[in-house]
């Protein structure tokens, strides 16, 4: 029985380290995506909630956002700036950006009252 315990403790420690490493990696990826979407705020509003003029990105379908970005990237869709910006992103980055916006509610959440 003691042999099993000696084996289990290092195994659990290894699992804990792996979980922490995965968590740190996921957090770094989330920060990277937030950095990419921050550049969209100038035209599409903070977190994709447009204040007018441009389309809101928040709450749109992931597949629709990917299709639009790829259309800009390929030149199928032309705009003042978007077709140039889209060329700077990889397919994986476009997918991550689209997933970020698709996960947000379509309507901007109401501001919480100040205390």
Protein backbone atom coordinates (compact mmCIF):
# COMPACT_ATOMS: atom_id res chain seq x y z
CA UNK A 1 0.00 0.00 0.00
CA UNK A 2 2.84 2.40 0.84
CA UNK A 3 4.42 1.83 -2.58
CA UNK A 4 1.23 3.05 -4.22
CA UNK A 5 1.12 6.17 -2.07
CA UNK A 6 4.73 6.98 -2.96
CA UNK A 7 3.75 6.75 -6.63
CA UNK A 8 0.47 8.68 -6.30
CA UNK A 9 1.94 11.79 -4.63
CA UNK A 10 4.42 12.60 -7.46
CA UNK A 11 1.76 11.77 -10.05
CA UNK A 12 -0.71 14.18 -8.43
CA UNK A 13 1.98 16.84 -8.23
CA UNK A 14 2.68 16.35 -11.94
CA UNK A 15 -1.01 16.68 -12.77
CA UNK A 16 -1.26 19.85 -10.69
CA UNK A 17 1.72 21.38 -12.49
CA UNK A 18 0.20 20.45 -15.86
CA UNK A 19 -3.14 22.04 -14.96
CA UNK A 20 -1.40 25.23 -13.83
CA UNK A 21 0.63 25.35 -17.05
CA UNK A 22 -2.49 24.89 -19.16
CA UNK A 23 -4.26 27.60 -17.18
CA UNK A 24 -1.36 30.02 -17.70
CA UNK A 25 -1.30 29.21 -21.42
CA UNK A 26 -5.05 29.78 -21.75
CA UNK A 27 -4.76 33.06 -19.86
CA UNK A 28 -1.93 34.23 -22.13
CA UNK A 29 -3.99 33.31 -25.20
CA UNK A 30 -6.97 35.24 -23.82
CA UNK A 31 -4.80 38.29 -23.24
CA UNK A 32 -3.45 38.00 -26.79
CA UNK A 33 -6.96 37.86 -28.25
CA UNK A 34 -7.99 40.88 -26.18
CA UNK A 35 -4.99 42.71 -27.58
CA UNK A 36 -6.06 41.89 -31.15
CA UNK A 37 -9.67 42.95 -30.59
CA UNK A 38 -8.56 46.21 -28.96
CA UNK A 39 -7.48 47.39 -32.40
CA UNK A 40 -11.07 46.91 -33.61
CA UNK A 41 -12.46 49.29 -30.97
CA UNK A 42 -11.63 52.46 -32.87
CA UNK A 43 -14.27 51.66 -35.49
CA UNK A 44 -16.45 48.92 -33.98
CA UNK A 45 -16.54 50.11 -30.35
CA UNK A 46 -15.22 48.64 -27.13
CA UNK A 47 -15.76 44.87 -27.14
CA UNK A 48 -17.46 45.21 -30.52
CA UNK A 49 -20.40 47.34 -29.33
CA UNK A 50 -20.53 50.05 -31.96
CA UNK A 51 -21.71 53.51 -31.04
CA UNK A 52 -22.90 54.03 -34.61
CA UNK A 53 -21.39 54.22 -38.06
CA UNK A 54 -19.85 50.75 -38.14
CA UNK A 55 -21.43 47.38 -37.50
CA UNK A 56 -21.34 45.96 -33.99
CA UNK A 57 -19.32 42.75 -33.90
CA UNK A 58 -20.46 41.48 -30.50
CA UNK A 59 -22.88 38.59 -30.65
CA UNK A 60 -22.48 37.89 -34.36
CA UNK A 61 -22.11 34.27 -35.45
CA UNK A 62 -18.53 33.05 -35.44
CA UNK A 63 -18.91 31.58 -38.94
CA UNK A 64 -20.24 34.90 -40.29
CA UNK A 65 -17.36 36.87 -38.80
CA UNK A 66 -14.80 34.41 -40.18
CA UNK A 67 -16.40 34.57 -43.62
CA UNK A 68 -16.40 38.39 -43.63
CA UNK A 69 -12.78 38.59 -42.48
CA UNK A 70 -11.70 36.06 -45.10
CA UNK A 71 -13.59 38.01 -47.76
CA UNK A 72 -11.71 41.16 -46.73
CA UNK A 73 -8.44 39.21 -46.61
CA UNK A 74 -8.91 37.78 -50.11
CA UNK A 75 -10.04 41.08 -51.60
CA UNK A 76 -13.54 39.78 -52.36
CA UNK A 77 -14.85 42.47 -50.01
CA UNK A 78 -13.24 45.90 -50.18
CA UNK A 79 -13.36 48.66 -47.59
CA UNK A 80 -11.34 51.69 -46.62
CA UNK A 81 -9.27 49.84 -44.04
CA UNK A 82 -10.64 46.35 -43.29
CA UNK A 83 -9.24 44.63 -46.36
CA UNK A 84 -5.78 45.84 -45.35
CA UNK A 85 -6.14 44.91 -41.67
CA UNK A 86 -7.51 41.44 -42.42
CA UNK A 87 -4.40 40.55 -44.39
CA UNK A 88 -2.36 40.93 -41.19
CA UNK A 89 -4.12 38.09 -39.40
CA UNK A 90 -3.59 34.36 -39.78
CA UNK A 91 -6.57 32.05 -40.19
CA UNK A 92 -6.12 30.92 -36.57
CA UNK A 93 -6.08 34.51 -35.33
CA UNK A 94 -9.23 35.32 -37.30
CA UNK A 95 -10.91 32.26 -35.78
CA UNK A 96 -9.93 33.33 -32.25
CA UNK A 97 -11.09 36.91 -32.80
CA UNK A 98 -14.40 35.68 -34.24
CA UNK A 99 -14.87 33.32 -31.28
CA UNK A 100 -14.29 36.21 -28.87
CA UNK A 101 -16.95 38.39 -30.47
CA UNK A 102 -19.40 35.51 -30.96
CA UNK A 103 -19.22 34.68 -27.24
CA UNK A 104 -20.38 38.17 -26.26
CA UNK A 105 -24.07 39.05 -25.92
CA UNK A 106 -25.56 40.83 -28.93
CA UNK A 107 -26.69 43.76 -26.78
CA UNK A 108 -24.23 45.65 -24.63
CA UNK A 109 -24.80 44.81 -20.95
CA UNK A 110 -26.24 47.68 -18.91
CA UNK A 111 -23.70 49.61 -16.88
CA UNK A 112 -23.70 48.79 -13.18
CA UNK A 113 -24.63 51.74 -10.96
CA UNK A 114 -21.76 53.34 -9.07
CA UNK A 115 -21.71 52.69 -5.33
